Every structure is written in structure tokens, then in C-alpha cells.
Amino acid sequence: MPNWKEVLAEIQDENKKGNKSSLDTVRRKYLTKISEKTGRNVIAYYSGWLQGRNPADVIVNDKDKNAFMVNIHKLDRKKGLDLILHTPGGDLAATESIVDYLHSIFGKDIRAIIPQISMSAGTLIALSCKEIMMGKQSNLGPIDPQMGGVACQAVLDEFEQAKKDIRANPSSAPLWQVIISKYHPTFLGGCQHAIDWSEKLAEDWLTRNMCGGDGAKAKKILKEFSDHKTQKSHARHISKAKCSDIGVSIIDMEADNELQDHILTTHHAFMHTFSQSRASKIVENQIGVAYIENEAVQMAMPIQLPGGQK
């Protein structure tokens, strides 16, 4: 497997040959190898949040639906979909819309692949798939909703604690008033609605796909990913081993060395692209179609591949 340094050297060699699209050429080369190995469609959904892009540009949002539409247009839908995810998460409504769209196209035949990390709404998307491929380096994250960067469940727990303290010790009311007064009207209700919505989506998707109708299994998985008291932080990294222990249908990335090599080399190529360009998000398939969002513009970019394939 070409490592980080070797992928960079390959990109630099393409540059020396006068290839002005060296980043795209190398990235797409290895993305195609994944599809050739599996015989399935591949769409990579990558965000440049680790490279410090504007947070608004890197999260899951409604513009991503256009990206998936562009990528799916000429795919053979009978081949199913392997969805490579690298994202910090984002908007819950957009996530629901994207998952519903993907299910309408590929049914239950969608696998998630996590080369490194897929958090929050990215974890929700992974849990909507029939299986998740993870390696020793891969992580998912909690799906407990956040509002203004604060865990909704933590807000509700804090409010309940305030009520208990004030009942037991009325003199504590002024202290709690300072804290509670920072909540805007309907904030508590909004937090509860966000929790209910997120958990309902996850449970429904898990039950009808990954868990094969087993509601009890779905609830066990949901509790692990959605319980703020269990995970303590929305930034918690949940390993492959932990996911497997709680019943997530895991494919071991290390079980197929060739496929693992293609996946991780593709991942390195995407990371180099973010490091050496203005790209903030890339959604790309195995036939060379990419939807790329830069810091200022976005564009759909088909590329001519060997053999005349587009």
C-alpha cells in the first residue's frame, strides 16, 4: 500500500509530467480500484474539517443532495453502493433527506466505509446502512443532538437538576436563575424535539436495515450511540471493537488486505487534496464524476477515464 509519503510522491511525479490535475488523477485512480475490487458502486463523501476549513462549508447540509444526485446519475444502481464517509456531521434535516434519497435509489444495498472518522450525523448515515466497514484506526461518534454547540441532553439534565436543587434548597434559586436565564424561549422544548427526532430516525433505519427487523437489537445500538450520560462528550471516538460489541454489523477492513490498501490509499489522496487545494468538500464516484465545493465556489466535474469511460 502506498503510504502518505508515497502518495504525495506520486502526486508530485504527476506534476513534473505537466499534469495540472495531479491531485484529481491520483485520487480517482485509487477510488476506481476500490470499485474494481468489490464490483460495486463507490461514492466518497469527504469533508476538509480536519484541515481547518470554515465550519459552515464542511458540515452535512442540503447542498449535499445535489452532490449525490450528480454522482448517482450514470451509475448502475443494481450494483449497490459503498459509501465512504469522512465527515464531522451536520444538519439533521439534511441528513434525513440524504438517507431517504439514497435508500430510494439503492434500497437496503448500501455499505458504509469509514477510513478514519465519521461523527454525529455522519454516524447516523453509517447506521442507516446494512453494514459498516471499519479498521483498527476507524471511529464513529455519538449521535446525541447539539444546539449551539451544547448537548441537548446535558441542557435538559441541567434543568432537572436545577428544579431538584431549588426544591431542596430554595436559597439556591438566584444561582440557578443566572444559568437558566441564558436559555432563549422554547430552547428546552427544541432540545427535546431534537433528541426525539434523532433517536426516531436512528431506530427506524437500524430496525429495517442493519438489524433486519430486530427492534431490540436496534434499541441496544441506539442507546450506546445516543446516550450522552454514557458517552460523556459529543466528541467521543467509538472504536470498531466497541461497535462490534454492541451489535453493529461490522466488516473487518483488515480481513482483505488488497481492499484495505485501496481504501487507505484513497483516503491519503483525499487528505492531500484538501491540504494542497481550496477544496472544503468533495463527493466523488468511481467513474470520475465529482462535486467539489471550494471555499468560494462549487462545481460538478466529470473527468475522462481510460477506455473512454466518463
Protein backbone atom coordinates (compact mmCIF):
# COMPACT_ATOMS: atom_id res chain seq x y z
CA MET A 1 0.00 0.00 0.00
CA PRO A 2 1.38 3.43 -0.87
CA ASN A 3 1.69 5.31 2.40
CA TRP A 4 1.11 9.03 3.00
CA LYS A 5 4.58 9.96 1.77
CA GLU A 6 4.41 7.70 -1.28
CA VAL A 7 1.02 9.07 -2.35
CA LEU A 8 2.47 12.56 -2.08
CA ALA A 9 5.43 11.48 -4.22
CA GLU A 10 3.02 10.10 -6.83
CA ILE A 11 1.19 13.43 -6.94
CA GLN A 12 4.47 15.27 -7.30
CA ASP A 13 5.54 12.95 -10.15
CA GLU A 14 2.30 13.78 -11.99
CA ASN A 15 3.07 17.46 -11.50
CA LYS A 16 6.51 17.00 -13.02
CA LYS A 17 4.87 15.43 -16.08
CA GLY A 18 2.87 18.63 -16.53
CA ASN A 19 -0.39 17.18 -15.22
CA LYS A 20 -2.23 20.20 -13.80
CA SER A 21 -4.89 17.89 -12.34
CA SER A 22 -2.47 15.64 -10.49
CA LEU A 23 -4.49 15.64 -7.26
CA ASP A 24 -7.63 14.53 -9.13
CA THR A 25 -5.76 11.95 -11.21
CA VAL A 26 -4.20 10.17 -8.26
CA ARG A 27 -7.32 10.34 -6.08
CA ARG A 28 -9.57 8.94 -8.81
CA LYS A 29 -7.10 6.22 -9.71
CA TYR A 30 -7.39 4.64 -6.28
CA LEU A 31 -11.13 5.31 -5.92
CA THR A 32 -11.63 3.33 -9.13
CA LYS A 33 -9.52 0.48 -7.75
CA ILE A 34 -11.96 0.08 -4.85
CA SER A 35 -14.87 -0.39 -7.26
CA GLU A 36 -12.88 -2.78 -9.44
CA LYS A 37 -12.11 -4.87 -6.36
CA THR A 38 -15.68 -5.00 -4.99
CA GLY A 39 -17.72 -4.86 -8.20
CA ARG A 40 -19.89 -2.23 -6.54
CA ASN A 41 -20.55 1.48 -7.00
CA VAL A 42 -18.43 3.72 -4.78
CA ILE A 43 -19.17 7.27 -3.69
CA ALA A 44 -16.72 9.05 -1.41
CA TYR A 45 -18.21 11.78 0.79
CA TYR A 46 -15.27 13.76 2.16
CA SER A 47 -15.06 16.93 4.22
CA GLY A 48 -11.99 19.07 4.91
CA TRP A 49 -12.82 19.92 8.51
CA LEU A 50 -9.54 18.47 9.80
CA GLN A 51 -7.73 20.99 7.58
CA GLY A 52 -9.43 23.90 9.33
CA ARG A 53 -11.96 24.91 6.68
CA ASN A 54 -14.89 27.16 7.55
CA PRO A 55 -17.25 25.01 9.69
CA ALA A 56 -20.25 26.11 7.63
CA ASP A 57 -18.59 24.70 4.48
CA VAL A 58 -17.74 21.25 5.79
CA ILE A 59 -20.89 20.03 7.56
CA VAL A 60 -23.67 17.87 6.13
CA ASN A 61 -26.18 20.27 4.55
CA ASP A 62 -28.90 20.44 1.92
CA LYS A 63 -26.44 21.25 -0.87
CA ASP A 64 -25.11 17.72 -0.50
CA LYS A 65 -28.30 16.34 -2.05
CA ASN A 66 -27.23 17.95 -5.34
CA ALA A 67 -23.81 16.33 -4.95
CA PHE A 68 -25.32 12.87 -4.59
CA MET A 69 -27.70 13.46 -7.50
CA VAL A 70 -24.74 14.36 -9.73
CA ASN A 71 -22.79 11.31 -8.59
CA ILE A 72 -25.62 8.79 -8.91
CA HIS A 73 -26.87 9.94 -12.33
CA LYS A 74 -24.98 7.42 -14.54
CA LEU A 75 -24.35 4.63 -12.04
CA ASP A 76 -25.67 1.09 -12.49
CA ARG A 77 -27.97 1.01 -9.49
CA LYS A 78 -28.16 -2.79 -9.46
CA LYS A 79 -24.56 -2.85 -8.19
CA GLY A 80 -25.48 -1.32 -4.84
CA LEU A 81 -23.39 1.36 -3.16
CA ASP A 82 -20.32 1.53 -0.97
CA LEU A 83 -20.39 4.93 0.72
CA ILE A 84 -17.02 6.16 2.02
CA LEU A 85 -17.62 8.64 4.84
CA HIS A 86 -15.27 11.23 6.34
CA THR A 87 -17.31 14.00 7.96
CA PRO A 88 -17.85 15.85 11.26
CA GLY A 89 -21.64 15.60 10.80
CA GLY A 90 -24.09 18.44 10.40
CA ASP A 91 -27.75 19.27 9.88
CA LEU A 92 -30.26 16.60 10.96
CA ALA A 93 -32.91 17.56 8.41
CA ALA A 94 -30.38 17.37 5.57
CA THR A 95 -29.15 14.02 6.87
CA GLU A 96 -32.67 12.59 6.87
CA SER A 97 -33.26 13.84 3.33
CA ILE A 98 -29.97 12.40 2.02
CA VAL A 99 -30.52 8.98 3.63
CA ASP A 100 -34.08 8.79 2.31
CA TYR A 101 -32.80 9.64 -1.17
CA LEU A 102 -30.04 7.01 -1.08
CA HIS A 103 -32.50 4.38 0.17
CA SER A 104 -34.90 5.25 -2.64
CA ILE A 105 -32.14 4.60 -5.18
CA PHE A 106 -30.26 1.61 -3.74
CA GLY A 107 -32.76 0.18 -1.25
CA LYS A 108 -31.01 -1.69 1.55
CA ASP A 109 -27.90 -2.45 -0.51
CA ILE A 110 -25.68 0.28 0.94
CA ARG A 111 -22.49 -0.29 2.91
CA ALA A 112 -20.62 2.43 4.78
CA ILE A 113 -16.81 2.53 4.76
CA ILE A 114 -15.01 4.52 7.46
CA PRO A 115 -11.30 5.02 6.63
CA GLN A 116 -10.74 7.27 9.63
CA ILE A 117 -13.68 9.05 11.27
CA SER A 118 -17.34 9.83 10.68
CA MET A 119 -19.03 11.72 13.51
CA SER A 120 -22.51 12.80 14.61
CA ALA A 121 -24.77 12.99 11.54
CA GLY A 122 -22.05 11.06 9.68
CA THR A 123 -22.53 8.25 12.19
CA LEU A 124 -26.28 8.42 11.61
CA ILE A 125 -25.70 7.92 7.88
CA ALA A 126 -23.44 4.94 8.61
CA LEU A 127 -26.03 3.39 10.92
CA SER A 128 -28.63 3.64 8.15
CA CYS A 129 -26.56 1.21 6.04
CA LYS A 130 -26.73 -2.58 6.07
CA GLU A 131 -23.09 -2.92 7.16
CA ILE A 132 -20.18 -0.70 8.18
CA MET A 133 -16.59 -1.44 7.17
CA MET A 134 -14.10 -0.27 9.78
CA GLY A 135 -10.41 -0.78 10.51
CA LYS A 136 -8.40 -0.56 13.68
CA GLN A 137 -7.96 3.18 13.00
CA SER A 138 -11.65 3.85 12.30
CA ASN A 139 -14.07 5.65 14.61
CA LEU A 140 -17.72 6.62 14.73
CA GLY A 141 -19.17 9.10 17.23
CA PRO A 142 -22.21 9.78 19.41
CA ILE A 143 -25.43 10.91 17.70
CA ASP A 144 -26.83 12.95 20.61
CA PRO A 145 -28.05 16.26 19.12
CA GLN A 146 -26.29 19.55 19.80
CA MET A 147 -27.77 23.05 19.82
CA GLY A 148 -25.36 25.95 19.72
CA GLY A 149 -22.51 23.56 20.45
CA VAL A 150 -24.19 22.28 23.62
CA ALA A 151 -25.50 18.74 24.09
CA CYS A 152 -29.30 18.84 24.20
CA GLN A 153 -29.46 16.09 26.82
CA ALA A 154 -26.98 17.95 29.02
CA VAL A 155 -29.24 21.02 28.89
CA LEU A 156 -32.29 19.01 29.92
CA ASP A 157 -30.35 17.24 32.69
CA GLU A 158 -29.09 20.58 33.99
CA PHE A 159 -32.62 21.99 34.08
CA GLU A 160 -33.88 18.95 36.01
CA GLN A 161 -31.02 19.33 38.45
CA ALA A 162 -31.93 22.99 38.92
CA LYS A 163 -35.52 22.05 39.81
CA LYS A 164 -34.36 19.46 42.34
CA ASP A 165 -31.87 21.82 43.96
CA ILE A 166 -34.38 24.64 44.25
CA ARG A 167 -36.99 22.33 45.82
CA ALA A 168 -34.44 21.08 48.35
CA ASN A 169 -32.79 24.45 48.93
CA PRO A 170 -34.82 27.50 47.80
CA SER A 171 -31.87 29.79 48.53
CA SER A 172 -30.09 28.28 45.50
CA ALA A 173 -32.69 29.81 43.15
CA PRO A 174 -30.71 33.03 42.43
CA LEU A 175 -27.68 30.99 41.37
CA TRP A 176 -29.70 28.79 39.05
CA GLN A 177 -31.55 31.83 37.68
CA VAL A 178 -28.26 33.17 36.32
CA ILE A 179 -27.70 29.91 34.44
CA ILE A 180 -31.26 29.25 33.25
CA SER A 181 -31.79 32.87 32.13
CA LYS A 182 -29.29 32.22 29.31
CA TYR A 183 -31.74 29.81 27.64
CA HIS A 184 -33.82 31.52 24.98
CA PRO A 185 -37.60 30.87 24.81
CA THR A 186 -38.54 27.36 23.55
CA PHE A 187 -34.90 26.24 23.92
CA LEU A 188 -35.74 23.35 26.25
CA GLY A 189 -38.56 22.19 24.01
CA GLY A 190 -36.29 22.43 20.99
CA CYS A 191 -33.69 20.27 22.73
CA GLN A 192 -36.25 17.56 23.50
CA HIS A 193 -37.61 17.60 19.95
CA ALA A 194 -34.08 17.26 18.52
CA ILE A 195 -33.39 14.24 20.75
CA ASP A 196 -36.69 12.59 19.84
CA TRP A 197 -36.15 13.21 16.13
CA SER A 198 -32.59 11.90 16.07
CA GLU A 199 -33.44 8.77 18.05
CA LYS A 200 -36.53 8.03 15.94
CA LEU A 201 -34.53 8.24 12.71
CA ALA A 202 -31.72 6.05 14.01
CA GLU A 203 -34.05 3.43 15.45
CA ASP A 204 -36.16 3.22 12.29
CA TRP A 205 -33.14 2.95 9.97
CA LEU A 206 -31.41 0.39 12.18
CA THR A 207 -34.53 -1.74 12.59
CA ARG A 208 -35.45 -2.02 8.93
CA ASN A 209 -31.93 -2.40 7.52
CA MET A 210 -28.91 -3.37 9.62
CA CYS A 211 -30.92 -5.15 12.32
CA GLY A 212 -33.23 -6.99 9.93
CA GLY A 213 -36.41 -6.08 11.80
CA ASP A 214 -34.98 -6.84 15.27
CA GLY A 215 -36.22 -3.85 17.27
CA ALA A 216 -34.50 -4.94 20.49
CA LYS A 217 -31.11 -5.07 18.76
CA ALA A 218 -31.74 -1.64 17.24
CA LYS A 219 -32.57 -0.17 20.65
CA LYS A 220 -29.37 -1.58 22.16
CA ILE A 221 -27.24 0.03 19.43
CA LEU A 222 -29.20 3.28 19.67
CA LYS A 223 -28.72 3.54 23.43
CA GLU A 224 -24.94 3.29 23.08
CA PHE A 225 -24.72 5.99 20.42
CA SER A 226 -27.39 8.38 21.70
CA ASP A 227 -26.92 8.39 25.48
CA HIS A 228 -24.97 11.49 26.49
CA LYS A 229 -24.56 10.11 30.01
CA THR A 230 -22.79 7.06 28.59
CA GLN A 231 -20.53 8.84 26.10
CA LYS A 232 -19.89 11.98 28.22
CA SER A 233 -18.87 14.04 25.16
CA HIS A 234 -20.15 14.52 21.63
CA ALA A 235 -16.52 14.30 20.51
CA ARG A 236 -16.13 10.75 21.88
CA HIS A 237 -14.46 8.38 19.38
CA ILE A 238 -16.15 4.95 19.26
CA SER A 239 -13.89 2.17 18.00
CA LYS A 240 -14.55 -0.75 15.68
CA ALA A 241 -14.30 -3.17 18.60
CA LYS A 242 -16.89 -1.23 20.64
CA CYS A 243 -19.24 -1.01 17.66
CA SER A 244 -18.98 -4.75 17.14
CA ASP A 245 -19.55 -5.47 20.85
CA ILE A 246 -22.88 -3.62 20.89
CA GLY A 247 -24.21 -5.35 17.79
CA VAL A 248 -23.32 -3.07 14.85
CA SER A 249 -22.83 -5.15 11.69
CA ILE A 250 -19.12 -4.61 11.14
CA ILE A 251 -16.98 -5.70 8.19
CA ASP A 252 -13.35 -6.02 9.27
CA MET A 253 -11.28 -3.86 6.90
CA GLU A 254 -8.16 -5.86 7.78
CA ALA A 255 -9.79 -9.08 6.51
CA ASP A 256 -8.99 -8.12 2.90
CA ASN A 257 -5.53 -6.61 2.61
CA GLU A 258 -5.91 -5.57 -1.01
CA LEU A 259 -9.19 -3.75 -0.42
CA GLN A 260 -7.81 -2.16 2.75
CA ASP A 261 -4.83 -0.88 0.77
CA HIS A 262 -7.09 0.69 -1.86
CA ILE A 263 -9.31 2.33 0.78
CA LEU A 264 -6.49 3.80 2.86
CA THR A 265 -4.53 4.98 -0.17
CA THR A 266 -7.69 6.70 -1.43
CA HIS A 267 -8.04 8.31 2.00
CA HIS A 268 -4.47 9.63 1.85
CA ALA A 269 -5.17 11.04 -1.62
CA PHE A 270 -8.22 12.91 -0.35
CA MET A 271 -6.26 14.32 2.58
CA HIS A 272 -3.54 15.56 0.23
CA THR A 273 -6.21 17.17 -1.94
CA PHE A 274 -7.55 19.17 0.99
CA SER A 275 -4.03 20.12 2.10
CA GLN A 276 -2.97 21.34 -1.35
CA SER A 277 -6.15 22.97 -2.65
CA ARG A 278 -9.03 25.21 -1.59
CA ALA A 279 -11.48 22.32 -1.58
CA SER A 280 -13.70 22.12 1.51
CA LYS A 281 -15.88 19.16 0.49
CA ILE A 282 -15.67 16.51 -2.23
CA VAL A 283 -18.34 14.00 -3.23
CA GLU A 284 -16.92 11.70 -5.92
CA ASN A 285 -17.70 8.37 -7.57
CA GLN A 286 -15.71 5.61 -9.26
CA ILE A 287 -16.41 6.78 -12.81
CA GLY A 288 -14.72 10.13 -12.32
CA VAL A 289 -17.65 12.39 -11.53
CA ALA A 290 -17.03 14.75 -8.64
CA TYR A 291 -18.94 17.54 -6.94
CA ILE A 292 -16.33 19.79 -5.36
CA GLU A 293 -17.05 22.67 -3.04
CA ASN A 294 -14.24 25.17 -2.69
CA GLU A 295 -14.15 27.91 -0.12
CA ALA A 296 -15.89 30.24 -2.57
CA VAL A 297 -17.39 28.12 -5.38
CA GLN A 298 -18.72 24.65 -6.09
CA MET A 299 -18.74 22.72 -9.33
CA ALA A 300 -19.59 19.33 -10.81
CA MET A 301 -16.54 17.98 -12.59
CA PRO A 302 -16.68 14.88 -14.82
CA ILE A 303 -13.33 13.52 -15.95
CA GLN A 304 -12.47 11.32 -18.94
CA LEU A 305 -11.07 7.99 -17.78
CA PRO A 306 -9.09 5.38 -19.73
CA GLY A 307 -11.19 3.43 -22.20
CA GLY A 308 -13.48 6.35 -22.92
CA GLN A 309 -15.49 5.90 -19.73
CA LYS A 310 -16.83 9.05 -18.09
